[in-house]
Amino acid sequence: MKSLFLLVGMVLILEGIPYVALPESMRDWLRKLSEMKAEHLRMVGLFSMSIGLLICWFVQRSGYF
């Protein structure tokens, strides 16, 4: 359970960095995202989830980490 909370905390830190470092650029980027079609957003989400799954699988199966 401790690892889960650490993971959530790290995700929130990483998600917050662009808003602190480049708030105006993030506002523009979010505006562009809101104008994208739902199908494109789904494809980007599916791609991101797939990459995340591959990274998790690789880390679990490899002896590198």
PDB file of N, CA and C in Angstrom:
ATOM      1  N   MET A   1       0.828  -1.191   0.000  1.00  0.00           N
ATOM      2  CA  MET A   1       0.000   0.000   0.000  1.00  0.00           C
ATOM      3  C   MET A   1       0.877   1.260   0.000  1.00  0.00           C
ATOM      4  N   LYS A   2       2.014   1.177   0.697  1.00  0.00           N
ATOM      5  CA  LYS A   2       2.928   2.303   0.732  1.00  0.00           C
ATOM      6  C   LYS A   2       3.418   2.649  -0.667  1.00  0.00           C
ATOM      7  N   SER A   3       3.734   1.624  -1.462  1.00  0.00           N
ATOM      8  CA  SER A   3       4.210   1.846  -2.832  1.00  0.00           C
ATOM      9  C   SER A   3       3.146   2.518  -3.684  1.00  0.00           C
ATOM     10  N   LEU A   4       1.894   2.141  -3.480  1.00  0.00           N
ATOM     11  CA  LEU A   4       0.798   2.752  -4.236  1.00  0.00           C
ATOM     12  C   LEU A   4       0.705   4.247  -3.939  1.00  0.00           C
ATOM     13  N   PHE A   5       0.782   4.612  -2.672  1.00  0.00           N
ATOM     14  CA  PHE A   5       0.715   6.031  -2.320  1.00  0.00           C
ATOM     15  C   PHE A   5       1.929   6.788  -2.839  1.00  0.00           C
ATOM     16  N   LEU A   6       3.104   6.169  -2.781  1.00  0.00           N
ATOM     17  CA  LEU A   6       4.294   6.808  -3.344  1.00  0.00           C
ATOM     18  C   LEU A   6       4.139   7.020  -4.843  1.00  0.00           C
ATOM     19  N   LEU A   7       3.594   6.040  -5.533  1.00  0.00           N
ATOM     20  CA  LEU A   7       3.372   6.143  -6.971  1.00  0.00           C
ATOM     21  C   LEU A   7       2.404   7.271  -7.300  1.00  0.00           C
ATOM     22  N   VAL A   8       1.309   7.347  -6.569  1.00  0.00           N
ATOM     23  CA  VAL A   8       0.327   8.410  -6.804  1.00  0.00           C
ATOM     24  C   VAL A   8       0.966   9.779  -6.555  1.00  0.00           C
ATOM     25  N   GLY A   9       1.749   9.888  -5.492  1.00  0.00           N
ATOM     26  CA  GLY A   9       2.429  11.144  -5.204  1.00  0.00           C
ATOM     27  C   GLY A   9       3.395  11.532  -6.304  1.00  0.00           C
ATOM     28  N   MET A  10       4.139  10.584  -6.816  1.00  0.00           N
ATOM     29  CA  MET A  10       5.089  10.882  -7.892  1.00  0.00           C
ATOM     30  C   MET A  10       4.372  11.281  -9.174  1.00  0.00           C
ATOM     31  N   VAL A  11       3.260  10.636  -9.465  1.00  0.00           N
ATOM     32  CA  VAL A  11       2.485  11.008 -10.650  1.00  0.00           C
ATOM     33  C   VAL A  11       1.988  12.443 -10.515  1.00  0.00           C
ATOM     34  N   LEU A  12       1.494  12.801  -9.346  1.00  0.00           N
ATOM     35  CA  LEU A  12       1.013  14.171  -9.147  1.00  0.00           C
ATOM     36  C   LEU A  12       2.149  15.184  -9.271  1.00  0.00           C
ATOM     37  N   ILE A  13       3.329  14.841  -8.764  1.00  0.00           N
ATOM     38  CA  ILE A  13       4.477  15.732  -8.914  1.00  0.00           C
ATOM     39  C   ILE A  13       4.813  15.917 -10.385  1.00  0.00           C
ATOM     40  N   LEU A  14       4.907  14.813 -11.125  1.00  0.00           N
ATOM     41  CA  LEU A  14       5.253  14.898 -12.547  1.00  0.00           C
ATOM     42  C   LEU A  14       4.187  15.620 -13.355  1.00  0.00           C
ATOM     43  N   GLU A  15       2.923  15.422 -12.984  1.00  0.00           N
ATOM     44  CA  GLU A  15       1.840  16.111 -13.688  1.00  0.00           C
ATOM     45  C   GLU A  15       1.852  17.612 -13.400  1.00  0.00           C
ATOM     46  N   GLY A  16       2.317  18.012 -12.233  1.00  0.00           N
ATOM     47  CA  GLY A  16       2.297  19.415 -11.860  1.00  0.00           C
ATOM     48  C   GLY A  16       3.457  20.233 -12.387  1.00  0.00           C
ATOM     49  N   ILE A  17       4.552  19.596 -12.725  1.00  0.00           N
ATOM     50  CA  ILE A  17       5.753  20.316 -13.174  1.00  0.00           C
ATOM     51  C   ILE A  17       5.479  21.238 -14.367  1.00  0.00           C
ATOM     52  N   PRO A  18       4.810  20.775 -15.429  1.00  0.00           N
ATOM     53  CA  PRO A  18       4.591  21.693 -16.568  1.00  0.00           C
ATOM     54  C   PRO A  18       3.745  22.912 -16.212  1.00  0.00           C
ATOM     55  N   TYR A  19       2.792  22.760 -15.282  1.00  0.00           N
ATOM     56  CA  TYR A  19       1.948  23.896 -14.901  1.00  0.00           C
ATOM     57  C   TYR A  19       2.732  24.937 -14.123  1.00  0.00           C
ATOM     58  N   VAL A  20       3.722  24.491 -13.338  1.00  0.00           N
ATOM     59  CA  VAL A  20       4.550  25.423 -12.579  1.00  0.00           C
ATOM     60  C   VAL A  20       5.593  26.074 -13.488  1.00  0.00           C
ATOM     61  N   ALA A  21       6.217  25.280 -14.350  1.00  0.00           N
ATOM     62  CA  ALA A  21       7.315  25.776 -15.176  1.00  0.00           C
ATOM     63  C   ALA A  21       6.828  26.615 -16.363  1.00  0.00           C
ATOM     64  N   LEU A  22       5.751  26.200 -17.012  1.00  0.00           N
ATOM     65  CA  LEU A  22       5.292  26.859 -18.242  1.00  0.00           C
ATOM     66  C   LEU A  22       3.768  27.026 -18.246  1.00  0.00           C
ATOM     67  N   PRO A  23       3.208  27.852 -17.367  1.00  0.00           N
ATOM     68  CA  PRO A  23       1.750  27.939 -17.280  1.00  0.00           C
ATOM     69  C   PRO A  23       1.068  28.446 -18.551  1.00  0.00           C
ATOM     70  N   GLU A  24       1.673  29.413 -19.237  1.00  0.00           N
ATOM     71  CA  GLU A  24       1.042  29.936 -20.452  1.00  0.00           C
ATOM     72  C   GLU A  24       1.062  28.903 -21.581  1.00  0.00           C
ATOM     73  N   SER A  25       2.152  28.197 -21.715  1.00  0.00           N
ATOM     74  CA  SER A  25       2.237  27.154 -22.737  1.00  0.00           C
ATOM     75  C   SER A  25       1.242  26.034 -22.452  1.00  0.00           C
ATOM     76  N   MET A  26       1.080  25.694 -21.171  1.00  0.00           N
ATOM     77  CA  MET A  26       0.118  24.645 -20.812  1.00  0.00           C
ATOM     78  C   MET A  26      -1.304  25.093 -21.142  1.00  0.00           C
ATOM     79  N   ARG A  27      -1.606  26.371 -20.918  1.00  0.00           N
ATOM     80  CA  ARG A  27      -2.944  26.880 -21.233  1.00  0.00           C
ATOM     81  C   ARG A  27      -3.214  26.749 -22.733  1.00  0.00           C
ATOM     82  N   ASP A  28      -2.224  27.104 -23.547  1.00  0.00           N
ATOM     83  CA  ASP A  28      -2.383  26.977 -25.000  1.00  0.00           C
ATOM     84  C   ASP A  28      -2.534  25.513 -25.406  1.00  0.00           C
ATOM     85  N   TRP A  29      -1.722  24.654 -24.798  1.00  0.00           N
ATOM     86  CA  TRP A  29      -1.769  23.227 -25.124  1.00  0.00           C
ATOM     87  C   TRP A  29      -3.114  22.628 -24.736  1.00  0.00           C
ATOM     88  N   LEU A  30      -3.638  23.013 -23.574  1.00  0.00           N
ATOM     89  CA  LEU A  30      -4.938  22.511 -23.140  1.00  0.00           C
ATOM     90  C   LEU A  30      -6.058  23.028 -24.035  1.00  0.00           C
ATOM     91  N   ARG A  31      -5.919  24.249 -24.525  1.00  0.00           N
ATOM     92  CA  ARG A  31      -6.914  24.786 -25.458  1.00  0.00           C
ATOM     93  C   ARG A  31      -6.928  23.959 -26.745  1.00  0.00           C
ATOM     94  N   LYS A  32      -5.736  23.613 -27.231  1.00  0.00           N
ATOM     95  CA  LYS A  32      -5.653  22.783 -28.437  1.00  0.00           C
ATOM     96  C   LYS A  32      -6.240  21.401 -28.187  1.00  0.00           C
ATOM     97  N   LEU A  33      -5.984  20.836 -26.998  1.00  0.00           N
ATOM     98  CA  LEU A  33      -6.553  19.532 -26.665  1.00  0.00           C
ATOM     99  C   LEU A  33      -8.078  19.572 -26.635  1.00  0.00           C
ATOM    100  N   SER A  34      -8.629  20.658 -26.110  1.00  0.00           N
ATOM    101  CA  SER A  34     -10.091  20.754 -26.022  1.00  0.00           C
ATOM    102  C   SER A  34     -10.739  20.863 -27.397  1.00  0.00           C
ATOM    103  N   GLU A  35      -9.974  21.266 -28.397  1.00  0.00           N
ATOM    104  CA  GLU A  35     -10.510  21.390 -29.750  1.00  0.00           C
ATOM    105  C   GLU A  35     -10.351  20.111 -30.575  1.00  0.00           C
ATOM    106  N   MET A  36      -9.617  19.137 -30.046  1.00  0.00           N
ATOM    107  CA  MET A  36      -9.416  17.882 -30.782  1.00  0.00           C
ATOM    108  C   MET A  36     -10.685  17.036 -30.763  1.00  0.00           C
ATOM    109  N   LYS A  37     -10.863  16.236 -31.785  1.00  0.00           N
ATOM    110  CA  LYS A  37     -11.993  15.324 -31.845  1.00  0.00           C
ATOM    111  C   LYS A  37     -11.819  14.229 -30.798  1.00  0.00           C
ATOM    112  N   ALA A  38     -12.942  13.714 -30.311  1.00  0.00           N
ATOM    113  CA  ALA A  38     -12.928  12.677 -29.279  1.00  0.00           C
ATOM    114  C   ALA A  38     -12.195  11.425 -29.763  1.00  0.00           C
ATOM    115  N   GLU A  39     -12.325  11.095 -31.042  1.00  0.00           N
ATOM    116  CA  GLU A  39     -11.668   9.906 -31.576  1.00  0.00           C
ATOM    117  C   GLU A  39     -10.148  10.017 -31.482  1.00  0.00           C
ATOM    118  N   HIS A  40      -9.643  11.216 -31.773  1.00  0.00           N
ATOM    119  CA  HIS A  40      -8.194  11.425 -31.690  1.00  0.00           C
ATOM    120  C   HIS A  40      -7.705  11.331 -30.245  1.00  0.00           C
ATOM    121  N   LEU A  41      -8.487  11.904 -29.327  1.00  0.00           N
ATOM    122  CA  LEU A  41      -8.114  11.828 -27.918  1.00  0.00           C
ATOM    123  C   LEU A  41      -8.101  10.382 -27.432  1.00  0.00           C
ATOM    124  N   ARG A  42      -9.071   9.593 -27.895  1.00  0.00           N
ATOM    125  CA  ARG A  42      -9.106   8.175 -27.519  1.00  0.00           C
ATOM    126  C   ARG A  42      -7.877   7.440 -28.041  1.00  0.00           C
ATOM    127  N   MET A  43      -7.482   7.743 -29.257  1.00  0.00           N
ATOM    128  CA  MET A  43      -6.304   7.086 -29.828  1.00  0.00           C
ATOM    129  C   MET A  43      -5.036   7.485 -29.063  1.00  0.00           C
ATOM    130  N   VAL A  44      -4.908   8.743 -28.706  1.00  0.00           N
ATOM    131  CA  VAL A  44      -3.757   9.190 -27.924  1.00  0.00           C
ATOM    132  C   VAL A  44      -3.762   8.504 -26.556  1.00  0.00           C
ATOM    133  N   GLY A  45      -4.924   8.415 -25.932  1.00  0.00           N
ATOM    134  CA  GLY A  45      -5.036   7.731 -24.645  1.00  0.00           C
ATOM    135  C   GLY A  45      -4.696   6.260 -24.738  1.00  0.00           C
ATOM    136  N   LEU A  46      -5.176   5.606 -25.786  1.00  0.00           N
ATOM    137  CA  LEU A  46      -4.879   4.185 -25.983  1.00  0.00           C
ATOM    138  C   LEU A  46      -3.390   3.972 -26.218  1.00  0.00           C
ATOM    139  N   PHE A  47      -2.784   4.845 -26.994  1.00  0.00           N
ATOM    140  CA  PHE A  47      -1.346   4.760 -27.248  1.00  0.00           C
ATOM    141  C   PHE A  47      -0.560   4.956 -25.952  1.00  0.00           C
ATOM    142  N   SER A  48      -0.943   5.953 -25.166  1.00  0.00           N
ATOM    143  CA  SER A  48      -0.257   6.218 -23.900  1.00  0.00           C
ATOM    144  C   SER A  48      -0.394   5.044 -22.947  1.00  0.00           C
ATOM    145  N   MET A  49      -1.592   4.476 -22.852  1.00  0.00           N
ATOM    146  CA  MET A  49      -1.797   3.323 -21.986  1.00  0.00           C
ATOM    147  C   MET A  49      -0.973   2.133 -22.447  1.00  0.00           C
ATOM    148  N   SER A  50      -0.882   1.931 -23.749  1.00  0.00           N
ATOM    149  CA  SER A  50      -0.104   0.818 -24.289  1.00  0.00           C
ATOM    150  C   SER A  50       1.375   0.975 -23.984  1.00  0.00           C
ATOM    151  N   ILE A  51       1.898   2.179 -24.157  1.00  0.00           N
ATOM    152  CA  ILE A  51       3.303   2.435 -23.835  1.00  0.00           C
ATOM    153  C   ILE A  51       3.545   2.215 -22.343  1.00  0.00           C
ATOM    154  N   GLY A  52       2.650   2.697 -21.496  1.00  0.00           N
ATOM    155  CA  GLY A  52       2.783   2.496 -20.053  1.00  0.00           C
ATOM    156  C   GLY A  52       2.761   1.031 -19.676  1.00  0.00           C
ATOM    157  N   LEU A  53       1.876   0.264 -20.316  1.00  0.00           N
ATOM    158  CA  LEU A  53       1.803  -1.178 -20.062  1.00  0.00           C
ATOM    159  C   LEU A  53       3.089  -1.866 -20.490  1.00  0.00           C
ATOM    160  N   LEU A  54       3.626  -1.492 -21.636  1.00  0.00           N
ATOM    161  CA  LEU A  54       4.887  -2.090 -22.097  1.00  0.00           C
ATOM    162  C   LEU A  54       6.040  -1.752 -21.153  1.00  0.00           C
ATOM    163  N   ILE A  55       6.084  -0.523 -20.676  1.00  0.00           N
ATOM    164  CA  ILE A  55       7.134  -0.135 -19.730  1.00  0.00           C
ATOM    165  C   ILE A  55       7.014  -0.949 -18.446  1.00  0.00           C
ATOM    166  N   CYS A  56       5.811  -1.053 -17.902  1.00  0.00           N
ATOM    167  CA  CYS A  56       5.603  -1.839 -16.677  1.00  0.00           C
ATOM    168  C   CYS A  56       5.970  -3.305 -16.891  1.00  0.00           C
ATOM    169  N   TRP A  57       5.564  -3.856 -18.008  1.00  0.00           N
ATOM    170  CA  TRP A  57       5.881  -5.252 -18.306  1.00  0.00           C
ATOM    171  C   TRP A  57       7.387  -5.451 -18.418  1.00  0.00           C
ATOM    172  N   PHE A  58       8.065  -4.539 -19.108  1.00  0.00           N
ATOM    173  CA  PHE A  58       9.511  -4.651 -19.290  1.00  0.00           C
ATOM    174  C   PHE A  58      10.242  -4.563 -17.955  1.00  0.00           C
ATOM    175  N   VAL A  59       9.826  -3.625 -17.113  1.00  0.00           N
ATOM    176  CA  VAL A  59      10.473  -3.456 -15.815  1.00  0.00           C
ATOM    177  C   VAL A  59      10.249  -4.691 -14.940  1.00  0.00           C
ATOM    178  N   GLN A  60       9.061  -5.253 -14.983  1.00  0.00           N
ATOM    179  CA  GLN A  60       8.768  -6.446 -14.176  1.00  0.00           C
ATOM    180  C   GLN A  60       9.520  -7.668 -14.652  1.00  0.00           C
ATOM    181  N   ARG A  61       9.678  -7.830 -15.951  1.00  0.00           N
ATOM    182  CA  ARG A  61      10.279  -9.033 -16.528  1.00  0.00           C
ATOM    183  C   ARG A  61      11.795  -8.970 -16.662  1.00  0.00           C
ATOM    184  N   SER A  62      12.340  -7.779 -16.737  1.00  0.00           N
ATOM    185  CA  SER A  62      13.782  -7.672 -16.971  1.00  0.00           C
ATOM    186  C   SER A  62      14.524  -7.661 -15.642  1.00  0.00           C
ATOM    187  N   GLY A  63      15.777  -7.912 -15.704  1.00  0.00           N
ATOM    188  CA  GLY A  63      16.601  -7.861 -14.521  1.00  0.00           C
ATOM    189  C   GLY A  63      17.383  -6.569 -14.411  1.00  0.00           C
ATOM    190  N   TYR A  64      17.044  -5.593 -15.254  1.00  0.00           N
ATOM    191  CA  TYR A  64      17.790  -4.341 -15.280  1.00  0.00           C
ATOM    192  C   TYR A  64      17.453  -3.421 -14.118  1.00  0.00           C
ATOM    193  N   PHE A  65      16.243  -3.540 -13.576  1.00  0.00           N
ATOM    194  CA  PHE A  65      15.798  -2.590 -12.544  1.00  0.00           C
ATOM    195  C   PHE A  65      15.585  -3.294 -11.233  1.00  0.00           C
TER     196      PHE A  65
END
